Amino acid sequence: MRTHRGGWFHARLHVFLFLLSFSCLCSAKEWRLRVVGNLAFGSEWTPILQQEGADYPFRAIAPYLSEADLTLGFLDGSLSEVGEPMSWAKRPLRSHPDVAKSLKAGGFDAVSLACPHVADFGTEFLLATRRMLETEGIAVFGIGENDTLSRMYALLTAGETRVTCLGYLHGIQPSH
């Protein structure tokens, strides 16, 4: 698994600034963008999701997020309940697979997986996370099995404007 080179802060900054500048360049038709920072659900969310339902985390703000033409987020960690963390992952983070449904219910159109905990449980779970999100209709960007695939973008539509989303992370650091 590879992530495209940049910095974790730059991953967020580049996507936001790119979209913001793109919006300004194409201002003939106005469109709205919502960007949500780190979405990190730990294992403590599992019983809450099971009791309250997958829509619970964003229930109160889903209308606000959904009214935008595009809603983007940064999901930190993979979606899985099984597997062992990589030996270098000091504080491994993963979320229950229902988080994919939570993000869909919350109105997210795309998420970047170019985040620090993305590979804490290895490539298999990262790729499974991508599939779960895509099954829910959420585009994914910022990760891939190799350098070429990690540079793949998500192409979305906001009104009549086509928007390319890119995410960057400076490798997976054993020190996180």
C-alpha atoms as a PDB file:
ATOM      1  CA  MET A   1       0.000   0.000   0.000  1.00  0.00           C
ATOM      2  CA  ARG A   2       1.267   3.416  -0.872  1.00  0.00           C
ATOM      3  CA  THR A   3       0.105   6.920  -0.240  1.00  0.00           C
ATOM      4  CA  HIS A   4       1.133   9.807  -2.410  1.00  0.00           C
ATOM      5  CA  ARG A   5       3.847  12.005  -0.944  1.00  0.00           C
ATOM      6  CA  GLY A   6       2.977  15.291   0.729  1.00  0.00           C
ATOM      7  CA  GLY A   7       2.304  15.961   4.404  1.00  0.00           C
ATOM      8  CA  TRP A   8      -0.708  15.005   6.478  1.00  0.00           C
ATOM      9  CA  PHE A   9      -1.548  18.664   6.938  1.00  0.00           C
ATOM     10  CA  HIS A  10      -0.924  19.290   3.270  1.00  0.00           C
ATOM     11  CA  ALA A  11      -3.332  16.498   2.338  1.00  0.00           C
ATOM     12  CA  ARG A  12      -6.150  18.482   3.852  1.00  0.00           C
ATOM     13  CA  LEU A  13      -4.843  21.860   2.812  1.00  0.00           C
ATOM     14  CA  HIS A  14      -4.240  20.914  -0.827  1.00  0.00           C
ATOM     15  CA  VAL A  15      -7.658  19.385  -1.337  1.00  0.00           C
ATOM     16  CA  PHE A  16      -9.438  22.309   0.269  1.00  0.00           C
ATOM     17  CA  LEU A  17      -7.391  24.975  -1.489  1.00  0.00           C
ATOM     18  CA  PHE A  18      -7.656  23.206  -4.828  1.00  0.00           C
ATOM     19  CA  LEU A  19     -11.420  22.959  -4.573  1.00  0.00           C
ATOM     20  CA  LEU A  20     -11.731  26.491  -3.302  1.00  0.00           C
ATOM     21  CA  SER A  21      -9.652  27.897  -6.148  1.00  0.00           C
ATOM     22  CA  PHE A  22     -11.499  25.697  -8.652  1.00  0.00           C
ATOM     23  CA  SER A  23     -14.779  27.085  -7.400  1.00  0.00           C
ATOM     24  CA  CYS A  24     -13.538  30.637  -7.885  1.00  0.00           C
ATOM     25  CA  LEU A  25     -12.339  29.920 -11.412  1.00  0.00           C
ATOM     26  CA  CYS A  26     -15.692  28.451 -12.378  1.00  0.00           C
ATOM     27  CA  SER A  27     -17.826  31.035 -10.641  1.00  0.00           C
ATOM     28  CA  ALA A  28     -20.313  31.363 -13.520  1.00  0.00           C
ATOM     29  CA  LYS A  29     -22.395  28.781 -11.649  1.00  0.00           C
ATOM     30  CA  GLU A  30     -22.218  28.833  -7.869  1.00  0.00           C
ATOM     31  CA  TRP A  31     -21.872  25.635  -5.889  1.00  0.00           C
ATOM     32  CA  ARG A  32     -21.409  24.821  -2.222  1.00  0.00           C
ATOM     33  CA  LEU A  33     -18.714  22.715  -0.609  1.00  0.00           C
ATOM     34  CA  ARG A  34     -18.536  21.295   2.912  1.00  0.00           C
ATOM     35  CA  VAL A  35     -15.218  19.876   4.137  1.00  0.00           C
ATOM     36  CA  VAL A  36     -15.039  17.932   7.398  1.00  0.00           C
ATOM     37  CA  GLY A  37     -11.693  17.299   9.087  1.00  0.00           C
ATOM     38  CA  ASN A  38     -10.504  14.081  10.678  1.00  0.00           C
ATOM     39  CA  LEU A  39     -13.258  11.528  10.996  1.00  0.00           C
ATOM     40  CA  ALA A  40     -11.846   9.107  13.533  1.00  0.00           C
ATOM     41  CA  PHE A  41     -14.269   6.614  15.023  1.00  0.00           C
ATOM     42  CA  GLY A  42     -12.619   4.224  17.432  1.00  0.00           C
ATOM     43  CA  SER A  43     -13.847   0.870  18.690  1.00  0.00           C
ATOM     44  CA  GLU A  44     -15.760   2.682  21.452  1.00  0.00           C
ATOM     45  CA  TRP A  45     -18.275   3.675  18.752  1.00  0.00           C
ATOM     46  CA  THR A  46     -19.242   0.067  17.970  1.00  0.00           C
ATOM     47  CA  PRO A  47     -21.877  -0.311  20.731  1.00  0.00           C
ATOM     48  CA  ILE A  48     -23.198   3.191  20.056  1.00  0.00           C
ATOM     49  CA  LEU A  49     -23.674   2.469  16.341  1.00  0.00           C
ATOM     50  CA  GLN A  50     -25.354  -0.833  17.157  1.00  0.00           C
ATOM     51  CA  GLN A  51     -27.699   0.760  19.707  1.00  0.00           C
ATOM     52  CA  GLU A  52     -28.443   4.100  18.025  1.00  0.00           C
ATOM     53  CA  GLY A  53     -28.099   3.161  14.348  1.00  0.00           C
ATOM     54  CA  ALA A  54     -25.542   3.954  11.674  1.00  0.00           C
ATOM     55  CA  ASP A  55     -26.977   7.425  11.072  1.00  0.00           C
ATOM     56  CA  TYR A  56     -26.418   8.476  14.692  1.00  0.00           C
ATOM     57  CA  PRO A  57     -23.000  10.228  14.420  1.00  0.00           C
ATOM     58  CA  PHE A  58     -24.262  12.761  11.877  1.00  0.00           C
ATOM     59  CA  ARG A  59     -27.998  12.727  12.621  1.00  0.00           C
ATOM     60  CA  ALA A  60     -28.077  16.322  13.874  1.00  0.00           C
ATOM     61  CA  ILE A  61     -25.936  17.823  11.111  1.00  0.00           C
ATOM     62  CA  ALA A  62     -26.808  15.595   8.122  1.00  0.00           C
ATOM     63  CA  PRO A  63     -29.224  18.185   6.680  1.00  0.00           C
ATOM     64  CA  TYR A  64     -26.476  20.823   6.786  1.00  0.00           C
ATOM     65  CA  LEU A  65     -23.915  18.506   5.186  1.00  0.00           C
ATOM     66  CA  SER A  66     -26.382  17.228   2.585  1.00  0.00           C
ATOM     67  CA  GLU A  67     -27.459  20.670   1.394  1.00  0.00           C
ATOM     68  CA  ALA A  68     -24.001  21.249  -0.103  1.00  0.00           C
ATOM     69  CA  ASP A  69     -23.294  20.240  -3.679  1.00  0.00           C
ATOM     70  CA  LEU A  70     -20.236  18.355  -2.400  1.00  0.00           C
ATOM     71  CA  THR A  71     -19.357  17.147   1.088  1.00  0.00           C
ATOM     72  CA  LEU A  72     -15.854  15.814   1.642  1.00  0.00           C
ATOM     73  CA  GLY A  73     -14.189  14.308   4.688  1.00  0.00           C
ATOM     74  CA  PHE A  74     -10.929  12.755   5.851  1.00  0.00           C
ATOM     75  CA  LEU A  75     -11.433   9.271   7.293  1.00  0.00           C
ATOM     76  CA  ASP A  76      -8.612   8.243   9.587  1.00  0.00           C
ATOM     77  CA  GLY A  77      -8.197   4.489   9.936  1.00  0.00           C
ATOM     78  CA  SER A  78      -9.658   1.452   8.248  1.00  0.00           C
ATOM     79  CA  LEU A  79     -13.112  -0.063   8.668  1.00  0.00           C
ATOM     80  CA  SER A  80     -12.860  -3.496  10.232  1.00  0.00           C
ATOM     81  CA  GLU A  81     -13.496  -5.474  13.376  1.00  0.00           C
ATOM     82  CA  VAL A  82     -10.944  -8.206  12.699  1.00  0.00           C
ATOM     83  CA  GLY A  83      -7.220  -8.456  12.113  1.00  0.00           C
ATOM     84  CA  GLU A  84      -4.149  -7.558  14.065  1.00  0.00           C
ATOM     85  CA  PRO A  85      -2.424  -4.170  13.889  1.00  0.00           C
ATOM     86  CA  MET A  86       0.897  -3.838  12.117  1.00  0.00           C
ATOM     87  CA  SER A  87       3.869  -4.144  14.484  1.00  0.00           C
ATOM     88  CA  TRP A  88       4.834  -0.502  13.966  1.00  0.00           C
ATOM     89  CA  ALA A  89       1.372   0.914  14.770  1.00  0.00           C
ATOM     90  CA  LYS A  90       1.771   2.303  18.294  1.00  0.00           C
ATOM     91  CA  ARG A  91      -1.842   3.466  18.686  1.00  0.00           C
ATOM     92  CA  PRO A  92      -3.765   1.609  15.980  1.00  0.00           C
ATOM     93  CA  LEU A  93      -7.093   3.064  14.953  1.00  0.00           C
ATOM     94  CA  ARG A  94      -9.951   1.386  13.158  1.00  0.00           C
ATOM     95  CA  SER A  95     -13.668   1.848  13.013  1.00  0.00           C
ATOM     96  CA  HIS A  96     -16.681  -0.439  12.784  1.00  0.00           C
ATOM     97  CA  PRO A  97     -17.686  -1.212   9.168  1.00  0.00           C
ATOM     98  CA  ASP A  98     -21.039   0.548   9.784  1.00  0.00           C
ATOM     99  CA  VAL A  99     -19.127   3.841   9.657  1.00  0.00           C
ATOM    100  CA  ALA A 100     -19.417   3.587   5.851  1.00  0.00           C
ATOM    101  CA  LYS A 101     -23.197   3.713   6.293  1.00  0.00           C
ATOM    102  CA  SER A 102     -22.797   6.560   8.807  1.00  0.00           C
ATOM    103  CA  LEU A 103     -20.873   8.618   6.271  1.00  0.00           C
ATOM    104  CA  LYS A 104     -23.491   7.951   3.595  1.00  0.00           C
ATOM    105  CA  ALA A 105     -26.321   8.897   5.968  1.00  0.00           C
ATOM    106  CA  GLY A 106     -24.336  12.003   6.893  1.00  0.00           C
ATOM    107  CA  GLY A 107     -24.322  13.177   3.290  1.00  0.00           C
ATOM    108  CA  PHE A 108     -20.674  12.578   2.400  1.00  0.00           C
ATOM    109  CA  ASP A 109     -19.890  12.372  -1.310  1.00  0.00           C
ATOM    110  CA  ALA A 110     -16.185  11.534  -0.997  1.00  0.00           C
ATOM    111  CA  VAL A 111     -13.520  10.875   1.613  1.00  0.00           C
ATOM    112  CA  SER A 112      -9.769  10.988   1.565  1.00  0.00           C
ATOM    113  CA  LEU A 113      -7.995   8.019   3.077  1.00  0.00           C
ATOM    114  CA  ALA A 114      -4.634   9.807   2.969  1.00  0.00           C
ATOM    115  CA  CYS A 115      -4.515   9.922   6.758  1.00  0.00           C
ATOM    116  CA  PRO A 116      -1.991   8.793   9.393  1.00  0.00           C
ATOM    117  CA  HIS A 117      -3.787   5.627  10.607  1.00  0.00           C
ATOM    118  CA  VAL A 118      -4.853   4.441   7.181  1.00  0.00           C
ATOM    119  CA  ALA A 119      -2.632   1.339   7.169  1.00  0.00           C
ATOM    120  CA  ASP A 120      -2.536   0.437  10.873  1.00  0.00           C
ATOM    121  CA  PHE A 121      -4.086  -2.948  10.052  1.00  0.00           C
ATOM    122  CA  GLY A 122      -2.415  -3.474   6.682  1.00  0.00           C
ATOM    123  CA  THR A 123      -3.247  -3.192   3.016  1.00  0.00           C
ATOM    124  CA  GLU A 124      -5.970  -5.837   3.047  1.00  0.00           C
ATOM    125  CA  PHE A 125      -8.139  -3.825   5.427  1.00  0.00           C
ATOM    126  CA  LEU A 126      -7.371  -0.553   3.710  1.00  0.00           C
ATOM    127  CA  LEU A 127      -8.581  -1.936   0.387  1.00  0.00           C
ATOM    128  CA  ALA A 128     -11.634  -3.464   2.089  1.00  0.00           C
ATOM    129  CA  THR A 129     -12.366  -0.003   3.544  1.00  0.00           C
ATOM    130  CA  ARG A 130     -12.219   1.488   0.068  1.00  0.00           C
ATOM    131  CA  ARG A 131     -14.659  -1.155  -1.232  1.00  0.00           C
ATOM    132  CA  MET A 132     -17.090  -0.589   1.672  1.00  0.00           C
ATOM    133  CA  LEU A 133     -17.154   3.148   1.063  1.00  0.00           C
ATOM    134  CA  GLU A 134     -17.564   2.754  -2.695  1.00  0.00           C
ATOM    135  CA  THR A 135     -20.399   0.257  -2.126  1.00  0.00           C
ATOM    136  CA  GLU A 136     -22.185   3.017  -0.192  1.00  0.00           C
ATOM    137  CA  GLY A 137     -21.654   5.397  -3.134  1.00  0.00           C
ATOM    138  CA  ILE A 138     -18.873   7.373  -1.456  1.00  0.00           C
ATOM    139  CA  ALA A 139     -15.918   8.199  -3.691  1.00  0.00           C
ATOM    140  CA  VAL A 140     -12.459   7.557  -2.224  1.00  0.00           C
ATOM    141  CA  PHE A 141      -9.175   9.271  -2.999  1.00  0.00           C
ATOM    142  CA  GLY A 142      -5.659   9.536  -1.591  1.00  0.00           C
ATOM    143  CA  ILE A 143      -4.677   5.845  -1.378  1.00  0.00           C
ATOM    144  CA  GLY A 144      -3.700   2.962  -3.597  1.00  0.00           C
ATOM    145  CA  GLU A 145      -1.784  -0.282  -3.801  1.00  0.00           C
ATOM    146  CA  ASN A 146       1.153   1.425  -5.521  1.00  0.00           C
ATOM    147  CA  ASP A 147       2.411   4.900  -6.444  1.00  0.00           C
ATOM    148  CA  THR A 148       0.305   5.094  -9.595  1.00  0.00           C
ATOM    149  CA  LEU A 149      -2.923   4.058  -7.904  1.00  0.00           C
ATOM    150  CA  SER A 150      -2.258   6.295  -4.895  1.00  0.00           C
ATOM    151  CA  ARG A 151      -2.321   9.277  -7.245  1.00  0.00           C
ATOM    152  CA  MET A 152      -5.758   8.382  -8.581  1.00  0.00           C
ATOM    153  CA  TYR A 153      -8.332  11.060  -8.072  1.00  0.00           C
ATOM    154  CA  ALA A 154     -12.027  11.139  -7.433  1.00  0.00           C
ATOM    155  CA  LEU A 155     -13.908  13.001 -10.147  1.00  0.00           C
ATOM    156  CA  LEU A 156     -17.134  14.477  -8.808  1.00  0.00           C
ATOM    157  CA  THR A 157     -19.801  16.847 -10.031  1.00  0.00           C
ATOM    158  CA  ALA A 158     -20.910  19.973  -8.175  1.00  0.00           C
ATOM    159  CA  GLY A 159     -23.798  21.528 -10.017  1.00  0.00           C
ATOM    160  CA  GLU A 160     -22.480  21.780 -13.563  1.00  0.00           C
ATOM    161  CA  THR A 161     -18.831  21.826 -12.476  1.00  0.00           C
ATOM    162  CA  ARG A 162     -16.595  18.761 -12.516  1.00  0.00           C
ATOM    163  CA  VAL A 163     -14.271  18.659  -9.514  1.00  0.00           C
ATOM    164  CA  THR A 164     -11.142  16.541  -9.113  1.00  0.00           C
ATOM    165  CA  CYS A 165     -10.278  15.510  -5.559  1.00  0.00           C
ATOM    166  CA  LEU A 166      -6.739  14.523  -4.620  1.00  0.00           C
ATOM    167  CA  GLY A 167      -5.324  13.492  -1.251  1.00  0.00           C
ATOM    168  CA  TYR A 168      -1.706  13.283  -0.122  1.00  0.00           C
ATOM    169  CA  LEU A 169       0.128  11.758   2.819  1.00  0.00           C
ATOM    170  CA  HIS A 170       3.858  11.531   3.341  1.00  0.00           C
ATOM    171  CA  GLY A 171       4.119   7.767   3.636  1.00  0.00           C
ATOM    172  CA  ILE A 172       3.047   5.659   6.556  1.00  0.00           C
ATOM    173  CA  GLN A 173       5.219   6.511   9.515  1.00  0.00           C
ATOM    174  CA  PRO A 174       6.031   3.746  12.008  1.00  0.00           C
ATOM    175  CA  SER A 175       6.334   6.492  14.634  1.00  0.00           C
ATOM    176  CA  HIS A 176       2.680   7.551  14.661  1.00  0.00           C
END
